[in-house]
């Protein structure tokens, strides 16, 4: 059986099933992040679906355009936006701002190294927009204004609309699609530089936010040791705040690592909040396709479909593991409960807090 057919098919089916479950959850709870994640998972399913159709029946220009627009540009950005809304009330906006700056910088450096044709001023424009919007998000986060997530939405939704307009107005050379001659996996080499550069911009931002947001959530709910202390509270002297801002990334990494033994002990004893293993699985699910899609962009396509399937599989398992996310499993958009799971008292207290 051809893996270029079966793996995208499995990824597509799983993504659509996952989207149905999260969409059903949104109908019941009406949380913005649930709606955004539903859209992101639909994009995931559509992208993998185009790969299945291309592998099974052959590629054509319309299919190739949809594959690149939805899969290469939109998926990671929308999943990362869901995380932004989930953590809008926290100081995670600083991480989103950092992700924007890194994405803009990497986009600019990518053009310097690979010199994509027809890029024009896009590298500078994307970098400037990234820095500007990152500054806005950082200031709003400092002011404890949770509407910074709306600025993140402007980035993702605005970029999605702009990329759709770019795709609609460009002309591709015959045959209208490109695949790796060895693996027969599609590549983006036919697209102009100004569109190709949106791929690292959206993927770095989205993957960084999704993975780091999941690890941040795991740290929040795990038993912690804090051997490196810092504070980002408002009102402290500017110099102290800047020092703490520089210390925060190192402190979070160190404190997370030294807290893992306590988390493992709590897991063995059955006292670990289910959100911890769930969010770690989600982080893995965001990390794997980030690596394989990046490799695909730079010419190594062999692991692309495998990474895509493992990514959505880990995301799906991570959500199912969390009792807080799916307290009952039912047929989507119905009242038919397939399985009901109890919520531990500690989890209820954590969510209420």
Protein backbone atom coordinates (compact mmCIF):
# COMPACT_ATOMS: atom_id res chain seq x y z
CA UNK A 1 0.00 0.00 0.00
CA UNK A 2 1.39 3.38 -1.03
CA UNK A 3 2.30 5.45 2.09
CA UNK A 4 1.79 8.61 0.02
CA UNK A 5 -1.89 7.65 -0.13
CA UNK A 6 -2.64 5.92 3.17
CA UNK A 7 -0.83 8.32 5.51
CA UNK A 8 -2.54 11.50 4.20
CA UNK A 9 -5.88 9.66 4.23
CA UNK A 10 -5.42 8.69 7.88
CA UNK A 11 -4.32 12.22 8.76
CA UNK A 12 -7.33 13.72 7.00
CA UNK A 13 -9.90 11.38 8.57
CA UNK A 14 -8.43 11.84 12.05
CA UNK A 15 -8.29 15.62 11.64
CA UNK A 16 -11.94 15.87 10.59
CA UNK A 17 -13.03 13.59 13.46
CA UNK A 18 -10.98 15.69 15.87
CA UNK A 19 -12.48 18.90 14.45
CA UNK A 20 -15.98 17.50 14.97
CA UNK A 21 -15.28 16.74 18.64
CA UNK A 22 -13.77 20.17 19.32
CA UNK A 23 -16.52 21.89 17.34
CA UNK A 24 -19.13 20.06 19.41
CA UNK A 25 -17.30 21.22 22.52
CA UNK A 26 -17.45 24.81 21.26
CA UNK A 27 -21.21 24.57 20.73
CA UNK A 28 -21.59 23.52 24.38
CA UNK A 29 -19.08 25.89 25.99
CA UNK A 30 -18.65 28.77 23.51
CA UNK A 31 -14.98 29.38 24.24
CA UNK A 32 -13.17 31.28 21.44
CA UNK A 33 -10.13 28.99 21.47
CA UNK A 34 -12.37 25.98 20.76
CA UNK A 35 -13.80 27.63 17.66
CA UNK A 36 -10.35 28.66 16.41
CA UNK A 37 -8.92 25.18 17.00
CA UNK A 38 -11.90 23.71 15.13
CA UNK A 39 -11.05 25.87 12.12
CA UNK A 40 -7.36 24.93 12.38
CA UNK A 41 -8.18 21.23 12.47
CA UNK A 42 -10.47 21.61 9.47
CA UNK A 43 -7.55 23.17 7.60
CA UNK A 44 -5.40 20.23 8.70
CA UNK A 45 -7.96 17.77 7.34
CA UNK A 46 -8.36 19.63 4.05
CA UNK A 47 -4.60 19.87 3.55
CA UNK A 48 -4.07 16.16 4.19
CA UNK A 49 -7.09 15.44 2.00
CA UNK A 50 -5.48 17.19 -0.95
CA UNK A 51 -2.37 15.06 -0.42
CA UNK A 52 -4.47 11.91 -0.44
CA UNK A 53 -6.24 12.95 -3.65
CA UNK A 54 -2.97 13.93 -5.29
CA UNK A 55 -1.29 10.66 -4.35
CA UNK A 56 -4.27 8.50 -5.33
CA UNK A 57 -5.47 10.23 -8.50
CA UNK A 58 -2.71 12.59 -9.55
CA UNK A 59 -1.95 16.25 -8.93
CA UNK A 60 -3.41 19.19 -10.80
CA UNK A 61 -3.12 22.93 -10.46
CA UNK A 62 -6.29 23.59 -8.36
CA UNK A 63 -5.42 20.81 -5.91
CA UNK A 64 -1.83 22.04 -5.69
CA UNK A 65 -2.96 25.60 -4.93
CA UNK A 66 -5.32 24.46 -2.16
CA UNK A 67 -2.63 22.22 -0.68
CA UNK A 68 -0.13 25.02 -0.38
CA UNK A 69 -2.49 27.73 0.78
CA UNK A 70 -4.26 25.66 3.43
CA UNK A 71 -1.49 23.33 4.53
CA UNK A 72 1.69 25.34 4.18
CA UNK A 73 0.31 28.70 5.28
CA UNK A 74 -2.86 28.39 7.33
CA UNK A 75 -2.76 25.28 9.53
CA UNK A 76 -0.03 26.15 12.04
CA UNK A 77 -1.11 29.78 12.34
CA UNK A 78 -4.72 28.90 13.24
CA UNK A 79 -3.72 26.21 15.75
CA UNK A 80 -1.33 28.65 17.38
CA UNK A 81 -4.06 31.30 17.47
CA UNK A 82 -6.26 28.89 19.41
CA UNK A 83 -3.53 28.63 22.02
CA UNK A 84 -3.29 32.42 22.15
CA UNK A 85 -6.99 32.68 23.00
CA UNK A 86 -6.71 29.87 25.54
CA UNK A 87 -3.93 31.71 27.39
CA UNK A 88 -5.14 35.26 26.73
CA UNK A 89 -5.58 36.01 30.44
CA UNK A 90 -1.98 35.11 31.27
CA UNK A 91 1.35 36.74 30.44
CA UNK A 92 1.77 34.31 27.56
CA UNK A 93 1.42 37.31 25.26
CA UNK A 94 5.14 37.91 25.77
CA UNK A 95 5.81 34.50 24.21
CA UNK A 96 3.55 35.33 21.28
CA UNK A 97 5.40 38.61 20.78
CA UNK A 98 8.73 36.78 20.82
CA UNK A 99 7.38 34.24 18.31
CA UNK A 100 6.40 37.06 15.96
CA UNK A 101 9.84 38.65 16.11
CA UNK A 102 11.59 35.32 15.55
CA UNK A 103 9.28 34.49 12.66
CA UNK A 104 9.87 37.85 11.01
CA UNK A 105 13.63 37.55 11.47
CA UNK A 106 13.77 33.99 10.16
CA UNK A 107 11.64 34.95 7.17
CA UNK A 108 14.06 37.74 6.33
CA UNK A 109 17.10 35.45 6.76
CA UNK A 110 15.45 32.74 4.65
CA UNK A 111 15.23 35.12 1.72
CA UNK A 112 18.86 36.15 2.20
CA UNK A 113 19.96 32.52 2.02
CA UNK A 114 17.68 31.10 -0.67
CA UNK A 115 16.88 34.19 -2.74
CA UNK A 116 13.39 33.13 -3.78
CA UNK A 117 12.44 34.79 -7.08
CA UNK A 118 9.77 37.50 -7.09
CA UNK A 119 10.06 38.17 -3.37
CA UNK A 120 10.35 41.92 -3.86
CA UNK A 121 10.10 43.90 -0.64
CA UNK A 122 8.18 41.13 1.13
CA UNK A 123 11.01 40.09 3.51
CA UNK A 124 11.38 43.62 4.87
CA UNK A 125 7.62 44.20 5.00
CA UNK A 126 6.99 40.94 6.87
CA UNK A 127 9.80 41.64 9.33
CA UNK A 128 8.61 45.19 9.97
CA UNK A 129 5.02 44.04 10.53
CA UNK A 130 6.23 41.32 12.87
CA UNK A 131 8.19 43.77 15.02
CA UNK A 132 5.35 46.32 15.06
CA UNK A 133 2.67 43.80 16.03
CA UNK A 134 4.98 42.14 18.56
CA UNK A 135 5.43 45.50 20.24
CA UNK A 136 1.67 46.01 20.43
CA UNK A 137 1.13 42.53 21.91
CA UNK A 138 3.93 43.02 24.45
CA UNK A 139 2.55 46.37 25.64
CA UNK A 140 -0.97 44.98 25.96
CA UNK A 141 0.35 41.98 27.88
CA UNK A 142 2.25 44.27 30.24
CA UNK A 143 -1.01 46.12 30.89
CA UNK A 144 -2.78 42.80 31.54
CA UNK A 145 -5.06 43.48 28.60
CA UNK A 146 -6.26 40.08 27.39
CA UNK A 147 -7.30 41.62 24.09
CA UNK A 148 -3.76 41.00 22.87
CA UNK A 149 -5.25 37.76 21.54
CA UNK A 150 -7.37 39.88 19.18
CA UNK A 151 -4.15 41.37 17.80
CA UNK A 152 -2.92 37.82 17.26
CA UNK A 153 -6.16 37.15 15.39
CA UNK A 154 -5.50 40.17 13.17
CA UNK A 155 -2.14 38.63 12.28
CA UNK A 156 -3.55 35.18 11.46
CA UNK A 157 -6.88 36.14 9.88
CA UNK A 158 -5.40 39.09 8.02
CA UNK A 159 -2.52 36.97 6.77
CA UNK A 160 -4.92 34.24 5.69
CA UNK A 161 -7.00 36.70 3.66
CA UNK A 162 -3.89 38.28 2.14
CA UNK A 163 -2.45 34.90 1.19
CA UNK A 164 -5.75 33.85 -0.40
CA UNK A 165 -5.72 37.02 -2.53
CA UNK A 166 -2.11 36.37 -3.51
CA UNK A 167 -2.95 32.82 -4.51
CA UNK A 168 -5.99 33.90 -6.52
CA UNK A 169 -4.05 36.44 -8.58
CA UNK A 170 -0.86 34.55 -9.44
CA UNK A 171 -0.14 32.46 -12.52
CA UNK A 172 1.75 29.18 -12.22
CA UNK A 173 3.95 27.82 -14.98
CA UNK A 174 2.94 24.49 -16.56
CA UNK A 175 2.08 21.88 -15.46
CA UNK A 176 0.76 23.94 -12.52
CA UNK A 177 2.21 21.78 -9.75
CA UNK A 178 5.56 20.43 -8.52
CA UNK A 179 6.41 17.19 -6.71
CA UNK A 180 9.69 15.71 -5.52
CA UNK A 181 10.79 13.30 -8.28
CA UNK A 182 12.05 10.77 -5.74
CA UNK A 183 9.25 10.76 -3.16
CA UNK A 184 6.39 12.23 -5.25
CA UNK A 185 5.52 14.51 -2.33
CA UNK A 186 4.48 18.06 -3.36
CA UNK A 187 6.87 20.98 -2.91
CA UNK A 188 6.31 24.73 -3.08
CA UNK A 189 8.95 25.65 -5.63
CA UNK A 190 6.50 26.99 -8.24
CA UNK A 191 5.18 29.75 -6.00
CA UNK A 192 6.66 33.28 -6.01
CA UNK A 193 8.86 34.37 -3.15
CA UNK A 194 6.37 36.77 -1.59
CA UNK A 195 3.97 33.85 -1.05
CA UNK A 196 6.58 31.26 -0.10
CA UNK A 197 7.90 33.55 2.62
CA UNK A 198 4.53 33.47 4.37
CA UNK A 199 5.18 29.80 5.10
CA UNK A 200 8.05 30.26 7.59
CA UNK A 201 6.30 33.35 8.97
CA UNK A 202 3.09 31.48 9.82
CA UNK A 203 4.67 28.14 10.69
CA UNK A 204 7.25 29.50 13.09
CA UNK A 205 4.72 31.71 14.84
CA UNK A 206 2.05 29.01 15.03
CA UNK A 207 4.29 26.08 15.96
CA UNK A 208 6.22 28.11 18.55
CA UNK A 209 3.02 29.30 20.21
CA UNK A 210 1.32 25.88 20.10
CA UNK A 211 4.31 24.00 21.54
CA UNK A 212 5.38 26.59 24.09
CA UNK A 213 1.76 27.19 25.13
CA UNK A 214 1.28 23.48 25.78
CA UNK A 215 4.47 23.28 27.85
CA UNK A 216 3.48 26.43 29.73
CA UNK A 217 0.11 24.86 30.58
CA UNK A 218 1.85 21.67 31.70
CA UNK A 219 4.06 23.67 34.04
CA UNK A 220 1.07 25.51 35.49
CA UNK A 221 -0.66 22.25 36.51
CA UNK A 222 2.37 20.17 37.56
CA UNK A 223 3.93 20.08 41.05
CA UNK A 224 6.71 22.64 40.79
CA UNK A 225 10.14 23.49 42.06
CA UNK A 226 11.31 27.04 41.49
CA UNK A 227 15.05 27.29 41.86
CA UNK A 228 15.29 30.33 39.57
CA UNK A 229 12.86 33.02 40.65
CA UNK A 230 11.57 36.04 38.75
CA UNK A 231 8.55 38.29 38.65
CA UNK A 232 6.88 40.16 35.79
CA UNK A 233 4.53 42.13 38.00
CA UNK A 234 3.77 45.72 37.10
CA UNK A 235 5.01 48.53 39.29
CA UNK A 236 8.56 47.33 39.81
CA UNK A 237 11.43 49.59 38.70
CA UNK A 238 12.05 49.51 34.97
CA UNK A 239 15.55 48.13 35.37
CA UNK A 240 14.32 45.27 37.55
CA UNK A 241 11.51 44.50 35.10
CA UNK A 242 13.95 44.29 32.18
CA UNK A 243 16.24 41.99 34.16
CA UNK A 244 13.31 39.77 35.05
CA UNK A 245 12.15 39.71 31.43
CA UNK A 246 15.58 38.51 30.36
CA UNK A 247 15.63 35.96 33.18
CA UNK A 248 12.11 34.61 32.55
CA UNK A 249 12.83 32.26 29.58
CA UNK A 250 15.82 30.70 31.35
CA UNK A 251 13.91 30.43 34.64
CA UNK A 252 10.93 28.72 33.02
CA UNK A 253 13.11 26.15 31.25
CA UNK A 254 15.19 25.38 34.36
CA UNK A 255 12.18 25.24 36.67
CA UNK A 256 10.29 23.01 34.24
CA UNK A 257 13.17 20.53 34.01
CA UNK A 258 13.78 20.32 37.75
CA UNK A 259 10.03 19.86 38.32
CA UNK A 260 9.82 16.77 36.11
CA UNK A 261 10.82 14.27 38.85
CA UNK A 262 7.96 15.52 41.06
CA UNK A 263 5.58 15.27 38.12
CA UNK A 264 6.72 11.70 37.43
CA UNK A 265 6.16 10.76 41.08
CA UNK A 266 2.68 12.30 40.99
CA UNK A 267 1.91 10.43 37.78
CA UNK A 268 2.89 7.06 39.27
CA UNK A 269 0.82 7.72 42.39
CA UNK A 270 -2.20 8.82 40.34
CA UNK A 271 -2.16 12.36 41.73
CA UNK A 272 -0.97 14.22 38.62
CA UNK A 273 -3.47 16.56 37.00
CA UNK A 274 -4.46 15.01 33.66
CA UNK A 275 -3.69 18.28 31.91
CA UNK A 276 0.05 17.71 32.41
CA UNK A 277 0.49 14.57 30.26
CA UNK A 278 -2.19 15.89 27.91
CA UNK A 279 -0.40 19.15 27.20
CA UNK A 280 2.98 17.42 26.88
CA UNK A 281 1.48 15.16 24.22
CA UNK A 282 0.07 18.25 22.51
CA UNK A 283 3.51 19.86 22.56
CA UNK A 284 4.97 16.76 20.89
CA UNK A 285 2.15 16.86 18.33
CA UNK A 286 3.01 20.43 17.46
CA UNK A 287 6.75 19.83 17.35
CA UNK A 288 6.92 16.82 15.00
CA UNK A 289 5.21 18.36 11.93
CA UNK A 290 7.08 21.62 12.54
CA UNK A 291 10.34 19.76 11.90
CA UNK A 292 9.11 17.65 8.99
CA UNK A 293 7.37 20.55 7.21
CA UNK A 294 10.48 22.67 7.68
CA UNK A 295 12.57 19.90 6.15
CA UNK A 296 10.11 19.69 3.25
CA UNK A 297 10.49 23.41 2.63
CA UNK A 298 14.26 22.96 2.35
CA UNK A 299 14.11 19.97 0.02
CA UNK A 300 13.97 16.94 2.35
CA UNK A 301 10.48 15.56 1.76
CA UNK A 302 10.82 11.92 2.88
CA UNK A 303 9.38 12.37 6.37
CA UNK A 304 6.65 14.88 5.54
CA UNK A 305 3.58 12.62 5.51
CA UNK A 306 4.82 10.62 8.52
CA UNK A 307 5.32 13.79 10.54
CA UNK A 308 1.94 15.10 9.50
CA UNK A 309 0.17 11.94 10.70
CA UNK A 310 2.13 11.69 13.95
CA UNK A 311 1.44 15.36 14.62
CA UNK A 312 -2.36 15.09 14.50
CA UNK A 313 -2.23 11.72 16.30
CA UNK A 314 -0.36 13.17 19.28
CA UNK A 315 -2.62 16.21 19.33
CA UNK A 316 -5.70 14.00 19.33
CA UNK A 317 -4.42 11.67 22.05
CA UNK A 318 -3.35 14.66 24.13
CA UNK A 319 -6.86 16.11 24.06
CA UNK A 320 -8.46 12.77 24.86
CA UNK A 321 -6.13 12.19 27.81
CA UNK A 322 -7.28 15.37 29.52
CA UNK A 323 -10.40 14.71 31.58
CA UNK A 324 -10.90 18.46 31.81
CA UNK A 325 -11.10 18.75 28.02
CA UNK A 326 -13.41 15.80 27.36
CA UNK A 327 -15.32 14.97 30.53
CA UNK A 328 -17.62 12.86 28.39
CA UNK A 329 -17.27 11.35 24.95
CA UNK A 330 -20.36 11.58 22.78
CA UNK A 331 -21.42 11.60 19.17
CA UNK A 332 -20.66 15.14 17.97
CA UNK A 333 -23.64 17.50 17.74
CA UNK A 334 -25.96 15.01 19.51
CA UNK A 335 -26.88 14.13 23.11
CA UNK A 336 -25.72 10.52 22.71
CA UNK A 337 -22.99 9.92 25.34
CA UNK A 338 -20.62 7.09 24.39
CA UNK A 339 -18.57 7.24 27.57
CA UNK A 340 -18.65 9.45 30.64
CA UNK A 341 -15.61 10.07 32.79
CA UNK A 342 -15.59 11.57 36.25
CA UNK A 343 -13.68 14.72 37.05
CA UNK A 344 -11.37 14.57 40.06
CA UNK A 345 -12.08 17.12 42.75
CA UNK A 346 -8.60 18.60 42.38
CA UNK A 347 -9.22 19.20 38.68
CA UNK A 348 -12.47 20.98 39.41
CA UNK A 349 -10.73 23.23 41.92
CA UNK A 350 -7.90 23.95 39.46
CA UNK A 351 -10.32 24.88 36.67
CA UNK A 352 -12.41 27.02 39.02
CA UNK A 353 -9.26 28.85 40.06
